[in-house]
PDB file of N, CA and C in Angstrom:
ATOM      1  N   MET A   1      60.177 171.120 236.119  1.00  0.00           N
ATOM      2  CA  MET A   1      60.696 171.642 234.892  1.00  0.00           C
ATOM      3  C   MET A   1      61.997 172.378 235.161  1.00  0.00           C
ATOM      4  N   ASN A   2      62.888 172.367 234.233  1.00  0.00           N
ATOM      5  CA  ASN A   2      64.199 172.956 234.459  1.00  0.00           C
ATOM      6  C   ASN A   2      64.315 174.395 233.957  1.00  0.00           C
ATOM      7  N   GLY A   3      63.199 174.986 233.522  1.00  0.00           N
ATOM      8  CA  GLY A   3      63.225 176.357 233.054  1.00  0.00           C
ATOM      9  C   GLY A   3      63.619 176.484 231.588  1.00  0.00           C
ATOM     10  N   THR A   4      63.824 175.384 230.908  1.00  0.00           N
ATOM     11  CA  THR A   4      64.206 175.441 229.493  1.00  0.00           C
ATOM     12  C   THR A   4      63.069 175.007 228.588  1.00  0.00           C
ATOM     13  N   GLY A   5      61.862 174.904 229.155  1.00  0.00           N
ATOM     14  CA  GLY A   5      60.717 174.489 228.344  1.00  0.00           C
ATOM     15  C   GLY A   5      60.637 172.990 228.170  1.00  0.00           C
ATOM     16  N   GLY A   6      61.320 172.239 229.026  1.00  0.00           N
ATOM     17  CA  GLY A   6      61.303 170.783 228.935  1.00  0.00           C
ATOM     18  C   GLY A   6      59.963 170.201 229.329  1.00  0.00           C
ATOM     19  N   THR A   7      59.855 168.910 229.204  1.00  0.00           N
ATOM     20  CA  THR A   7      58.596 168.227 229.477  1.00  0.00           C
ATOM     21  C   THR A   7      58.431 167.842 230.929  1.00  0.00           C
ATOM     22  N   GLY A   8      59.410 168.051 231.735  1.00  0.00           N
ATOM     23  CA  GLY A   8      59.323 167.664 233.130  1.00  0.00           C
ATOM     24  C   GLY A   8      60.076 166.387 233.431  1.00  0.00           C
ATOM     25  N   ASP A   9      60.634 165.731 232.405  1.00  0.00           N
ATOM     26  CA  ASP A   9      61.370 164.488 232.605  1.00  0.00           C
ATOM     27  C   ASP A   9      62.596 164.687 233.482  1.00  0.00           C
ATOM     28  N   ASP A  10      63.089 165.906 233.559  1.00  0.00           N
ATOM     29  CA  ASP A  10      64.305 166.169 234.313  1.00  0.00           C
ATOM     30  C   ASP A  10      64.011 166.747 235.696  1.00  0.00           C
ATOM     31  N   VAL A  11      62.753 166.727 236.106  1.00  0.00           N
ATOM     32  CA  VAL A  11      62.401 167.259 237.417  1.00  0.00           C
ATOM     33  C   VAL A  11      63.126 166.468 238.496  1.00  0.00           C
ATOM     34  N   GLY A  12      63.702 167.166 239.445  1.00  0.00           N
ATOM     35  CA  GLY A  12      64.341 166.503 240.569  1.00  0.00           C
ATOM     36  C   GLY A  12      65.731 165.981 240.292  1.00  0.00           C
ATOM     37  N   GLU A  13      66.396 166.447 239.275  1.00  0.00           N
ATOM     38  CA  GLU A  13      67.745 165.978 238.959  1.00  0.00           C
ATOM     39  C   GLU A  13      68.663 166.081 240.174  1.00  0.00           C
ATOM     40  N   GLY A  14      68.501 167.120 240.986  1.00  0.00           N
ATOM     41  CA  GLY A  14      69.375 167.329 242.134  1.00  0.00           C
ATOM     42  C   GLY A  14      69.255 166.272 243.208  1.00  0.00           C
ATOM     43  N   HIS A  15      68.198 165.472 243.192  1.00  0.00           N
ATOM     44  CA  HIS A  15      68.031 164.454 244.218  1.00  0.00           C
ATOM     45  C   HIS A  15      69.126 163.401 244.170  1.00  0.00           C
ATOM     46  N   ARG A  16      69.842 163.306 243.081  1.00  0.00           N
ATOM     47  CA  ARG A  16      70.886 162.291 242.965  1.00  0.00           C
ATOM     48  C   ARG A  16      72.048 162.554 243.909  1.00  0.00           C
ATOM     49  N   ARG A  17      71.998 163.658 244.594  1.00  0.00           N
ATOM     50  CA  ARG A  17      73.016 163.961 245.593  1.00  0.00           C
ATOM     51  C   ARG A  17      72.893 163.034 246.806  1.00  0.00           C
ATOM     52  N   TYR A  18      71.764 162.376 246.941  1.00  0.00           N
ATOM     53  CA  TYR A  18      71.478 161.546 248.103  1.00  0.00           C
ATOM     54  C   TYR A  18      71.364 160.078 247.711  1.00  0.00           C
ATOM     55  N   PRO A  19      71.780 159.190 248.614  1.00  0.00           N
ATOM     56  CA  PRO A  19      71.581 157.757 248.335  1.00  0.00           C
ATOM     57  C   PRO A  19      70.082 157.465 248.243  1.00  0.00           C
ATOM     58  N   SER A  20      69.743 156.523 247.393  1.00  0.00           N
ATOM     59  CA  SER A  20      68.335 156.178 247.243  1.00  0.00           C
ATOM     60  C   SER A  20      68.199 154.680 247.004  1.00  0.00           C
ATOM     61  N   ARG A  21      66.955 154.226 247.101  1.00  0.00           N
ATOM     62  CA  ARG A  21      66.670 152.823 246.818  1.00  0.00           C
ATOM     63  C   ARG A  21      65.290 152.735 246.178  1.00  0.00           C
ATOM     64  N   PRO A  22      65.086 151.749 245.333  1.00  0.00           N
ATOM     65  CA  PRO A  22      63.762 151.589 244.723  1.00  0.00           C
ATOM     66  C   PRO A  22      62.767 151.092 245.764  1.00  0.00           C
ATOM     67  N   ALA A  23      61.537 151.515 245.632  1.00  0.00           N
ATOM     68  CA  ALA A  23      60.463 151.101 246.533  1.00  0.00           C
ATOM     69  C   ALA A  23      59.167 151.096 245.743  1.00  0.00           C
ATOM     70  N   ARG A  24      58.112 150.711 246.387  1.00  0.00           N
ATOM     71  CA  ARG A  24      56.787 150.718 245.770  1.00  0.00           C
ATOM     72  C   ARG A  24      55.829 151.384 246.743  1.00  0.00           C
ATOM     73  N   LYS A  25      54.900 152.164 246.182  1.00  0.00           N
ATOM     74  CA  LYS A  25      53.909 152.876 247.000  1.00  0.00           C
ATOM     75  C   LYS A  25      52.514 152.437 246.572  1.00  0.00           C
ATOM     76  N   ALA A  26      51.707 152.042 247.537  1.00  0.00           N
ATOM     77  CA  ALA A  26      50.304 151.732 247.279  1.00  0.00           C
ATOM     78  C   ALA A  26      49.459 152.808 247.939  1.00  0.00           C
ATOM     79  N   THR A  27      48.480 153.299 247.210  1.00  0.00           N
ATOM     80  CA  THR A  27      47.508 154.231 247.762  1.00  0.00           C
ATOM     81  C   THR A  27      46.159 153.535 247.736  1.00  0.00           C
ATOM     82  N   ILE A  28      45.570 153.374 248.899  1.00  0.00           N
ATOM     83  CA  ILE A  28      44.292 152.686 249.057  1.00  0.00           C
ATOM     84  C   ILE A  28      43.255 153.755 249.381  1.00  0.00           C
ATOM     85  N   VAL A  29      42.264 153.911 248.517  1.00  0.00           N
ATOM     86  CA  VAL A  29      41.241 154.933 248.706  1.00  0.00           C
ATOM     87  C   VAL A  29      39.939 154.252 249.107  1.00  0.00           C
ATOM     88  N   CYS A  30      39.422 154.649 250.255  1.00  0.00           N
ATOM     89  CA  CYS A  30      38.190 154.061 250.753  1.00  0.00           C
ATOM     90  C   CYS A  30      37.403 155.145 251.486  1.00  0.00           C
ATOM     91  N   SER A  31      36.434 154.742 252.255  1.00  0.00           N
ATOM     92  CA  SER A  31      35.609 155.663 253.022  1.00  0.00           C
ATOM     93  C   SER A  31      35.825 155.393 254.505  1.00  0.00           C
ATOM     94  N   VAL A  32      35.620 156.391 255.311  1.00  0.00           N
ATOM     95  CA  VAL A  32      35.734 156.226 256.762  1.00  0.00           C
ATOM     96  C   VAL A  32      34.808 155.109 257.232  1.00  0.00           C
ATOM     97  N   ARG A  33      33.692 154.934 256.563  1.00  0.00           N
ATOM     98  CA  ARG A  33      32.698 153.942 257.004  1.00  0.00           C
ATOM     99  C   ARG A  33      33.001 152.513 256.556  1.00  0.00           C
ATOM    100  N   ASP A  34      34.003 152.296 255.685  1.00  0.00           N
ATOM    101  CA  ASP A  34      34.316 150.946 255.214  1.00  0.00           C
ATOM    102  C   ASP A  34      34.841 150.085 256.358  1.00  0.00           C
ATOM    103  N   HIS A  35      34.381 148.836 256.369  1.00  0.00           N
ATOM    104  CA  HIS A  35      34.771 147.899 257.424  1.00  0.00           C
ATOM    105  C   HIS A  35      35.228 146.579 256.827  1.00  0.00           C
ATOM    106  N   ALA A  36      36.029 145.864 257.578  1.00  0.00           N
ATOM    107  CA  ALA A  36      36.460 144.509 257.227  1.00  0.00           C
ATOM    108  C   ALA A  36      36.379 143.679 258.491  1.00  0.00           C
ATOM    109  N   HIS A  37      35.614 142.618 258.443  1.00  0.00           N
ATOM    110  CA  HIS A  37      35.484 141.725 259.593  1.00  0.00           C
ATOM    111  C   HIS A  37      35.087 142.499 260.857  1.00  0.00           C
ATOM    112  N   HIS A  38      34.091 143.378 260.717  1.00  0.00           N
ATOM    113  CA  HIS A  38      33.512 144.141 261.833  1.00  0.00           C
ATOM    114  C   HIS A  38      34.473 145.139 262.462  1.00  0.00           C
ATOM    115  N   ARG A  39      35.502 145.538 261.730  1.00  0.00           N
ATOM    116  CA  ARG A  39      36.453 146.545 262.210  1.00  0.00           C
ATOM    117  C   ARG A  39      36.605 147.616 261.143  1.00  0.00           C
ATOM    118  N   SER A  40      37.020 148.788 261.556  1.00  0.00           N
ATOM    119  CA  SER A  40      37.316 149.851 260.604  1.00  0.00           C
ATOM    120  C   SER A  40      38.391 149.362 259.634  1.00  0.00           C
ATOM    121  N   LEU A  41      38.133 149.480 258.341  1.00  0.00           N
ATOM    122  CA  LEU A  41      39.110 149.050 257.338  1.00  0.00           C
ATOM    123  C   LEU A  41      40.399 149.850 257.467  1.00  0.00           C
ATOM    124  N   VAL A  42      40.275 151.138 257.739  1.00  0.00           N
ATOM    125  CA  VAL A  42      41.453 151.998 257.863  1.00  0.00           C
ATOM    126  C   VAL A  42      42.339 151.520 259.009  1.00  0.00           C
ATOM    127  N   VAL A  43      41.761 151.353 260.180  1.00  0.00           N
ATOM    128  CA  VAL A  43      42.529 150.916 261.346  1.00  0.00           C
ATOM    129  C   VAL A  43      43.096 149.523 261.114  1.00  0.00           C
ATOM    130  N   ASP A  44      42.282 148.643 260.548  1.00  0.00           N
ATOM    131  CA  ASP A  44      42.710 147.271 260.299  1.00  0.00           C
ATOM    132  C   ASP A  44      43.922 147.219 259.360  1.00  0.00           C
ATOM    133  N   LEU A  45      43.866 147.964 258.254  1.00  0.00           N
ATOM    134  CA  LEU A  45      44.973 147.924 257.291  1.00  0.00           C
ATOM    135  C   LEU A  45      46.258 148.530 257.848  1.00  0.00           C
ATOM    136  N   VAL A  46      46.147 149.624 258.582  1.00  0.00           N
ATOM    137  CA  VAL A  46      47.346 150.231 259.175  1.00  0.00           C
ATOM    138  C   VAL A  46      47.967 149.283 260.200  1.00  0.00           C
ATOM    139  N   GLN A  47      47.145 148.656 261.016  1.00  0.00           N
ATOM    140  CA  GLN A  47      47.683 147.707 261.996  1.00  0.00           C
ATOM    141  C   GLN A  47      48.310 146.502 261.308  1.00  0.00           C
ATOM    142  N   ARG A  48      47.703 146.018 260.233  1.00  0.00           N
ATOM    143  CA  ARG A  48      48.262 144.884 259.497  1.00  0.00           C
ATOM    144  C   ARG A  48      49.589 145.260 258.827  1.00  0.00           C
ATOM    145  N   ALA A  49      49.677 146.486 258.312  1.00  0.00           N
ATOM    146  CA  ALA A  49      50.936 146.946 257.701  1.00  0.00           C
ATOM    147  C   ALA A  49      52.036 146.997 258.759  1.00  0.00           C
ATOM    148  N   ARG A  50      51.691 147.463 259.928  1.00  0.00           N
ATOM    149  CA  ARG A  50      52.693 147.538 261.014  1.00  0.00           C
ATOM    150  C   ARG A  50      53.138 146.140 261.435  1.00  0.00           C
ATOM    151  N   ARG A  51      52.163 145.241 261.615  1.00  0.00           N
ATOM    152  CA  ARG A  51      52.507 143.860 262.003  1.00  0.00           C
ATOM    153  C   ARG A  51      53.335 143.168 260.931  1.00  0.00           C
ATOM    154  N   ALA A  52      53.104 143.525 259.662  1.00  0.00           N
ATOM    155  CA  ALA A  52      53.864 142.932 258.557  1.00  0.00           C
ATOM    156  C   ALA A  52      55.270 143.517 258.474  1.00  0.00           C
ATOM    157  N   GLY A  53      55.544 144.546 259.276  1.00  0.00           N
ATOM    158  CA  GLY A  53      56.866 145.151 259.297  1.00  0.00           C
ATOM    159  C   GLY A  53      57.143 146.076 258.128  1.00  0.00           C
ATOM    160  N   LEU A  54      56.076 146.585 257.489  1.00  0.00           N
ATOM    161  CA  LEU A  54      56.282 147.492 256.363  1.00  0.00           C
ATOM    162  C   LEU A  54      56.897 148.798 256.853  1.00  0.00           C
ATOM    163  N   ALA A  55      57.597 149.480 255.963  1.00  0.00           N
ATOM    164  CA  ALA A  55      58.356 150.676 256.322  1.00  0.00           C
ATOM    165  C   ALA A  55      57.478 151.795 256.853  1.00  0.00           C
ATOM    166  N   GLY A  56      56.263 151.929 256.343  1.00  0.00           N
ATOM    167  CA  GLY A  56      55.407 152.999 256.829  1.00  0.00           C
ATOM    168  C   GLY A  56      54.040 152.985 256.189  1.00  0.00           C
ATOM    169  N   ALA A  57      53.072 153.517 256.912  1.00  0.00           N
ATOM    170  CA  ALA A  57      51.713 153.697 256.407  1.00  0.00           C
ATOM    171  C   ALA A  57      51.187 155.001 256.989  1.00  0.00           C
ATOM    172  N   THR A  58      50.548 155.797 256.157  1.00  0.00           N
ATOM    173  CA  THR A  58      49.995 157.073 256.593  1.00  0.00           C
ATOM    174  C   THR A  58      48.575 157.192 256.076  1.00  0.00           C
ATOM    175  N   VAL A  59      47.689 157.728 256.906  1.00  0.00           N
ATOM    176  CA  VAL A  59      46.288 157.917 256.538  1.00  0.00           C
ATOM    177  C   VAL A  59      46.041 159.406 256.314  1.00  0.00           C
ATOM    178  N   PHE A  60      45.433 159.718 255.175  1.00  0.00           N
ATOM    179  CA  PHE A  60      45.055 161.084 254.841  1.00  0.00           C
ATOM    180  C   PHE A  60      43.536 161.140 254.733  1.00  0.00           C
ATOM    181  N   ALA A  61      42.919 162.032 255.479  1.00  0.00           N
ATOM    182  CA  ALA A  61      41.465 162.192 255.433  1.00  0.00           C
ATOM    183  C   ALA A  61      41.100 163.242 254.400  1.00  0.00           C
ATOM    184  N   GLY A  62      40.131 162.936 253.563  1.00  0.00           N
ATOM    185  CA  GLY A  62      39.640 163.881 252.565  1.00  0.00           C
ATOM    186  C   GLY A  62      38.352 164.527 253.039  1.00  0.00           C
ATOM    187  N   LEU A  63      38.063 165.672 252.489  1.00  0.00           N
ATOM    188  CA  LEU A  63      36.832 166.364 252.837  1.00  0.00           C
ATOM    189  C   LEU A  63      35.706 166.040 251.874  1.00  0.00           C
ATOM    190  N   GLU A  64      36.082 165.712 250.626  1.00  0.00           N
ATOM    191  CA  GLU A  64      35.072 165.435 249.629  1.00  0.00           C
ATOM    192  C   GLU A  64      35.711 164.692 248.479  1.00  0.00           C
ATOM    193  N   GLY A  65      34.935 163.849 247.806  1.00  0.00           N
ATOM    194  CA  GLY A  65      35.450 163.145 246.651  1.00  0.00           C
ATOM    195  C   GLY A  65      34.383 162.261 246.037  1.00  0.00           C
ATOM    196  N   TYR A  66      34.687 161.709 244.857  1.00  0.00           N
ATOM    197  CA  TYR A  66      33.794 160.744 244.235  1.00  0.00           C
ATOM    198  C   TYR A  66      34.628 159.744 243.461  1.00  0.00           C
ATOM    199  N   GLY A  67      34.042 158.599 243.192  1.00  0.00           N
ATOM    200  CA  GLY A  67      34.748 157.544 242.483  1.00  0.00           C
ATOM    201  C   GLY A  67      33.967 157.103 241.259  1.00  0.00           C
ATOM    202  N   THR A  68      34.262 155.901 240.785  1.00  0.00           N
ATOM    203  CA  THR A  68      33.684 155.376 239.560  1.00  0.00           C
ATOM    204  C   THR A  68      32.156 155.434 239.524  1.00  0.00           C
ATOM    205  N   PRO A  69      31.462 155.063 240.611  1.00  0.00           N
ATOM    206  CA  PRO A  69      29.994 155.110 240.531  1.00  0.00           C
ATOM    207  C   PRO A  69      29.452 156.540 240.432  1.00  0.00           C
ATOM    208  N   GLY A  70      30.304 157.543 240.660  1.00  0.00           N
ATOM    209  CA  GLY A  70      29.868 158.930 240.589  1.00  0.00           C
ATOM    210  C   GLY A  70      29.189 159.427 241.843  1.00  0.00           C
ATOM    211  N   VAL A  71      29.201 158.624 242.898  1.00  0.00           N
ATOM    212  CA  VAL A  71      28.573 159.029 244.152  1.00  0.00           C
ATOM    213  C   VAL A  71      29.496 160.008 244.862  1.00  0.00           C
ATOM    214  N   LEU A  72      28.958 161.180 245.191  1.00  0.00           N
ATOM    215  CA  LEU A  72      29.740 162.204 245.875  1.00  0.00           C
ATOM    216  C   LEU A  72      29.818 161.868 247.362  1.00  0.00           C
ATOM    217  N   HIS A  73      31.027 161.767 247.877  1.00  0.00           N
ATOM    218  CA  HIS A  73      31.250 161.522 249.300  1.00  0.00           C
ATOM    219  C   HIS A  73      31.645 162.854 249.915  1.00  0.00           C
ATOM    220  N   ALA A  74      30.707 163.444 250.600  1.00  0.00           N
ATOM    221  CA  ALA A  74      30.965 164.743 251.211  1.00  0.00           C
ATOM    222  C   ALA A  74      30.185 164.814 252.506  1.00  0.00           C
ATOM    223  N   GLY A  75      30.612 165.629 253.347  1.00  0.00           N
ATOM    224  CA  GLY A  75      29.898 165.794 254.601  1.00  0.00           C
ATOM    225  C   GLY A  75      30.627 166.770 255.472  1.00  0.00           C
ATOM    226  N   ARG A  76      30.217 166.779 256.673  1.00  0.00           N
ATOM    227  CA  ARG A  76      30.895 167.633 257.640  1.00  0.00           C
ATOM    228  C   ARG A  76      32.274 167.065 257.923  1.00  0.00           C
ATOM    229  N   LEU A  77      33.107 167.887 258.479  1.00  0.00           N
ATOM    230  CA  LEU A  77      34.446 167.454 258.840  1.00  0.00           C
ATOM    231  C   LEU A  77      34.363 166.166 259.638  1.00  0.00           C
ATOM    232  N   LEU A  78      35.099 165.144 259.205  1.00  0.00           N
ATOM    233  CA  LEU A  78      35.143 163.830 259.855  1.00  0.00           C
ATOM    234  C   LEU A  78      33.791 163.126 259.874  1.00  0.00           C
ATOM    235  N   SER A  79      32.982 163.316 258.831  1.00  0.00           N
ATOM    236  CA  SER A  79      31.729 162.575 258.751  1.00  0.00           C
ATOM    237  C   SER A  79      32.044 161.122 258.419  1.00  0.00           C
ATOM    238  N   GLU A  80      31.065 160.253 258.561  1.00  0.00           N
ATOM    239  CA  GLU A  80      31.276 158.831 258.312  1.00  0.00           C
ATOM    240  C   GLU A  80      31.438 158.493 256.835  1.00  0.00           C
ATOM    241  N   ASP A  81      31.152 159.448 255.953  1.00  0.00           N
ATOM    242  CA  ASP A  81      31.205 159.172 254.525  1.00  0.00           C
ATOM    243  C   ASP A  81      32.411 159.814 253.838  1.00  0.00           C
ATOM    244  N   ASN A  82      33.261 160.465 254.597  1.00  0.00           N
ATOM    245  CA  ASN A  82      34.398 161.148 253.985  1.00  0.00           C
ATOM    246  C   ASN A  82      35.394 160.146 253.399  1.00  0.00           C
ATOM    247  N   PRO A  83      36.038 160.522 252.269  1.00  0.00           N
ATOM    248  CA  PRO A  83      37.043 159.647 251.681  1.00  0.00           C
ATOM    249  C   PRO A  83      38.334 159.657 252.493  1.00  0.00           C
ATOM    250  N   VAL A  84      39.056 158.543 252.435  1.00  0.00           N
ATOM    251  CA  VAL A  84      40.314 158.382 253.156  1.00  0.00           C
ATOM    252  C   VAL A  84      41.305 157.717 252.214  1.00  0.00           C
ATOM    253  N   SER A  85      42.559 158.172 252.253  1.00  0.00           N
ATOM    254  CA  SER A  85      43.631 157.513 251.501  1.00  0.00           C
ATOM    255  C   SER A  85      44.644 156.959 252.496  1.00  0.00           C
ATOM    256  N   ILE A  86      44.994 155.710 252.309  1.00  0.00           N
ATOM    257  CA  ILE A  86      46.043 155.075 253.108  1.00  0.00           C
ATOM    258  C   ILE A  86      47.222 154.876 252.167  1.00  0.00           C
ATOM    259  N   VAL A  87      48.358 155.469 252.502  1.00  0.00           N
ATOM    260  CA  VAL A  87      49.552 155.356 251.660  1.00  0.00           C
ATOM    261  C   VAL A  87      50.552 154.467 252.386  1.00  0.00           C
ATOM    262  N   VAL A  88      50.979 153.403 251.695  1.00  0.00           N
ATOM    263  CA  VAL A  88      51.917 152.437 252.261  1.00  0.00           C
ATOM    264  C   VAL A  88      53.122 152.358 251.324  1.00  0.00           C
ATOM    265  N   VAL A  89      54.338 152.438 251.899  1.00  0.00           N
ATOM    266  CA  VAL A  89      55.569 152.392 251.090  1.00  0.00           C
ATOM    267  C   VAL A  89      56.512 151.340 251.666  1.00  0.00           C
ATOM    268  N   ASP A  90      57.096 150.540 250.780  1.00  0.00           N
ATOM    269  CA  ASP A  90      58.108 149.571 251.203  1.00  0.00           C
ATOM    270  C   ASP A  90      58.783 148.995 249.964  1.00  0.00           C
ATOM    271  N   ASP A  91      59.662 148.044 250.205  1.00  0.00           N
ATOM    272  CA  ASP A  91      60.308 147.282 249.151  1.00  0.00           C
ATOM    273  C   ASP A  91      59.221 146.672 248.254  1.00  0.00           C
ATOM    274  N   PRO A  92      59.405 146.660 246.925  1.00  0.00           N
ATOM    275  CA  PRO A  92      58.366 146.147 246.031  1.00  0.00           C
ATOM    276  C   PRO A  92      57.858 144.751 246.390  1.00  0.00           C
ATOM    277  N   GLY A  93      58.740 143.834 246.700  1.00  0.00           N
ATOM    278  CA  GLY A  93      58.314 142.477 247.039  1.00  0.00           C
ATOM    279  C   GLY A  93      57.487 142.416 248.313  1.00  0.00           C
ATOM    280  N   ARG A  94      57.918 143.164 249.310  1.00  0.00           N
ATOM    281  CA  ARG A  94      57.186 143.174 250.588  1.00  0.00           C
ATOM    282  C   ARG A  94      55.803 143.819 250.431  1.00  0.00           C
ATOM    283  N   LEU A  95      55.732 144.900 249.661  1.00  0.00           N
ATOM    284  CA  LEU A  95      54.441 145.566 249.462  1.00  0.00           C
ATOM    285  C   LEU A  95      53.496 144.680 248.650  1.00  0.00           C
ATOM    286  N   ASP A  96      54.013 144.046 247.603  1.00  0.00           N
ATOM    287  CA  ASP A  96      53.185 143.145 246.801  1.00  0.00           C
ATOM    288  C   ASP A  96      52.630 142.007 247.655  1.00  0.00           C
ATOM    289  N   ALA A  97      53.456 141.454 248.537  1.00  0.00           N
ATOM    290  CA  ALA A  97      53.009 140.376 249.430  1.00  0.00           C
ATOM    291  C   ALA A  97      51.914 140.880 250.374  1.00  0.00           C
ATOM    292  N   PHE A  98      52.084 142.098 250.891  1.00  0.00           N
ATOM    293  CA  PHE A  98      51.068 142.685 251.771  1.00  0.00           C
ATOM    294  C   PHE A  98      49.736 142.839 251.036  1.00  0.00           C
ATOM    295  N   LEU A  99      49.781 143.343 249.815  1.00  0.00           N
ATOM    296  CA  LEU A  99      48.549 143.517 249.047  1.00  0.00           C
ATOM    297  C   LEU A  99      47.884 142.172 248.768  1.00  0.00           C
ATOM    298  N   GLU A 100      48.678 141.182 248.418  1.00  0.00           N
ATOM    299  CA  GLU A 100      48.121 139.850 248.157  1.00  0.00           C
ATOM    300  C   GLU A 100      47.512 139.254 249.423  1.00  0.00           C
ATOM    301  N   ASP A 101      48.186 139.395 250.558  1.00  0.00           N
ATOM    302  CA  ASP A 101      47.673 138.870 251.824  1.00  0.00           C
ATOM    303  C   ASP A 101      46.366 139.548 252.237  1.00  0.00           C
ATOM    304  N   ASN A 102      46.135 140.760 251.771  1.00  0.00           N
ATOM    305  CA  ASN A 102      44.942 141.528 252.153  1.00  0.00           C
ATOM    306  C   ASN A 102      43.967 141.701 250.992  1.00  0.00           C
ATOM    307  N   ARG A 103      44.099 140.861 250.009  1.00  0.00           N
ATOM    308  CA  ARG A 103      43.264 140.952 248.807  1.00  0.00           C
ATOM    309  C   ARG A 103      41.772 140.973 249.136  1.00  0.00           C
ATOM    310  N   GLU A 104      41.336 140.111 250.019  1.00  0.00           N
ATOM    311  CA  GLU A 104      39.917 140.044 250.394  1.00  0.00           C
ATOM    312  C   GLU A 104      39.455 141.355 251.030  1.00  0.00           C
ATOM    313  N   ARG A 105      40.267 141.925 251.912  1.00  0.00           N
ATOM    314  CA  ARG A 105      39.912 143.185 252.571  1.00  0.00           C
ATOM    315  C   ARG A 105      39.852 144.349 251.583  1.00  0.00           C
ATOM    316  N   LEU A 106      40.657 144.278 250.533  1.00  0.00           N
ATOM    317  CA  LEU A 106      40.754 145.369 249.575  1.00  0.00           C
ATOM    318  C   LEU A 106      39.722 145.276 248.447  1.00  0.00           C
ATOM    319  N   ALA A 107      38.963 144.188 248.407  1.00  0.00           N
ATOM    320  CA  ALA A 107      37.927 144.045 247.381  1.00  0.00           C
ATOM    321  C   ALA A 107      36.926 145.192 247.522  1.00  0.00           C
ATOM    322  N   GLY A 108      36.670 145.882 246.429  1.00  0.00           N
ATOM    323  CA  GLY A 108      35.686 146.952 246.447  1.00  0.00           C
ATOM    324  C   GLY A 108      36.234 148.333 246.749  1.00  0.00           C
ATOM    325  N   VAL A 109      37.530 148.440 247.053  1.00  0.00           N
ATOM    326  CA  VAL A 109      38.127 149.768 247.244  1.00  0.00           C
ATOM    327  C   VAL A 109      39.099 150.025 246.100  1.00  0.00           C
ATOM    328  N   PHE A 110      39.470 151.274 245.924  1.00  0.00           N
ATOM    329  CA  PHE A 110      40.345 151.693 244.832  1.00  0.00           C
ATOM    330  C   PHE A 110      41.785 151.641 245.313  1.00  0.00           C
ATOM    331  N   VAL A 111      42.654 150.928 244.573  1.00  0.00           N
ATOM    332  CA  VAL A 111      44.055 150.790 244.955  1.00  0.00           C
ATOM    333  C   VAL A 111      44.926 151.154 243.751  1.00  0.00           C
ATOM    334  N   THR A 112      45.892 152.042 243.966  1.00  0.00           N
ATOM    335  CA  THR A 112      46.886 152.321 242.928  1.00  0.00           C
ATOM    336  C   THR A 112      48.245 151.895 243.457  1.00  0.00           C
ATOM    337  N   VAL A 113      49.123 151.478 242.559  1.00  0.00           N
ATOM    338  CA  VAL A 113      50.470 151.061 242.927  1.00  0.00           C
ATOM    339  C   VAL A 113      51.445 151.769 241.994  1.00  0.00           C
ATOM    340  N   GLU A 114      52.493 152.356 242.582  1.00  0.00           N
ATOM    341  CA  GLU A 114      53.502 153.072 241.800  1.00  0.00           C
ATOM    342  C   GLU A 114      54.890 152.669 242.260  1.00  0.00           C
ATOM    343  N   ASP A 115      55.807 152.546 241.312  1.00  0.00           N
ATOM    344  CA  ASP A 115      57.213 152.373 241.663  1.00  0.00           C
ATOM    345  C   ASP A 115      57.765 153.756 241.993  1.00  0.00           C
ATOM    346  N   VAL A 116      58.462 153.856 243.115  1.00  0.00           N
ATOM    347  CA  VAL A 116      58.999 155.133 243.578  1.00  0.00           C
ATOM    348  C   VAL A 116      60.455 154.953 243.982  1.00  0.00           C
ATOM    349  N   GLU A 117      61.106 156.055 244.271  1.00  0.00           N
ATOM    350  CA  GLU A 117      62.479 156.055 244.751  1.00  0.00           C
ATOM    351  C   GLU A 117      62.483 156.708 246.124  1.00  0.00           C
ATOM    352  N   VAL A 118      63.040 156.030 247.114  1.00  0.00           N
ATOM    353  CA  VAL A 118      63.117 156.565 248.471  1.00  0.00           C
ATOM    354  C   VAL A 118      64.508 157.149 248.671  1.00  0.00           C
ATOM    355  N   LEU A 119      64.553 158.407 249.080  1.00  0.00           N
ATOM    356  CA  LEU A 119      65.825 159.096 249.298  1.00  0.00           C
ATOM    357  C   LEU A 119      66.208 159.045 250.763  1.00  0.00           C
ATOM    358  N   ASP A 120      67.491 158.912 251.024  1.00  0.00           N
ATOM    359  CA  ASP A 120      68.013 159.041 252.382  1.00  0.00           C
ATOM    360  C   ASP A 120      68.601 160.444 252.485  1.00  0.00           C
ATOM    361  N   LEU A 121      67.792 161.410 252.911  1.00  0.00           N
ATOM    362  CA  LEU A 121      68.193 162.803 252.939  1.00  0.00           C
ATOM    363  C   LEU A 121      69.173 163.116 254.062  1.00  0.00           C
ATOM    364  N   SER A 122      69.446 162.150 254.909  1.00  0.00           N
ATOM    365  CA  SER A 122      70.389 162.397 256.011  1.00  0.00           C
ATOM    366  C   SER A 122      71.846 162.203 255.600  1.00  0.00           C
ATOM    367  N   ARG A 123      72.073 161.632 254.390  1.00  0.00           N
ATOM    368  CA  ARG A 123      73.442 161.320 253.979  1.00  0.00           C
ATOM    369  C   ARG A 123      73.733 161.808 252.570  1.00  0.00           C
ATOM    370  N   PRO A 124      74.143 163.062 252.393  1.00  0.00           N
ATOM    371  CA  PRO A 124      74.507 163.501 251.044  1.00  0.00           C
ATOM    372  C   PRO A 124      75.720 162.710 250.532  1.00  0.00           C
ATOM    373  N   THR A 125      75.731 162.444 249.246  1.00  0.00           N
ATOM    374  CA  THR A 125      76.832 161.657 248.664  1.00  0.00           C
ATOM    375  C   THR A 125      77.844 162.496 247.925  1.00  0.00           C
ATOM    376  N   GLY A 126      77.548 163.756 247.730  1.00  0.00           N
ATOM    377  CA  GLY A 126      78.497 164.600 246.978  1.00  0.00           C
ATOM    378  C   GLY A 126      77.808 165.818 246.441  1.00  0.00           C
ATOM    379  N   GLY A 127      78.417 166.437 245.461  1.00  0.00           N
ATOM    380  CA  GLY A 127      77.889 167.676 244.899  1.00  0.00           C
ATOM    381  C   GLY A 127      76.678 167.452 244.017  1.00  0.00           C
ATOM    382  N   TRP A 128      76.077 168.548 243.655  1.00  0.00           N
ATOM    383  CA  TRP A 128      74.922 168.497 242.756  1.00  0.00           C
ATOM    384  C   TRP A 128      75.404 168.152 241.357  1.00  0.00           C
ATOM    385  N   ARG A 129      74.605 167.436 240.629  1.00  0.00           N
ATOM    386  CA  ARG A 129      74.938 167.074 239.240  1.00  0.00           C
ATOM    387  C   ARG A 129      74.730 168.230 238.332  1.00  0.00           C
TER     388      ARG A 129
END
């Protein structure tokens, strides 16, 4: 918000000082215990993203959560039932191809896809707007 009571549409206006490019972000939510072809789904997807040459993939471990069935996934730190989010970002076409290539592995897990803007914070382009 810009302090004028706006709706938030103008959040981040200053980011235009940096070069940017459009990208797409997929968030894959699963459980530590999920497997694909006798391997950890988390490890398998991150390795596949790397082999596909995607820009990046990061795994975030959750302590507790629930999904559509309403089943609470909670346990001790790093239990086998804890929720995990895998965030993958790349060019929209490359990310869409990755998701399609892994459609079978992703069956039964929750996937969101968002269009995002990637900033190159190492190269300012000029003054603030």
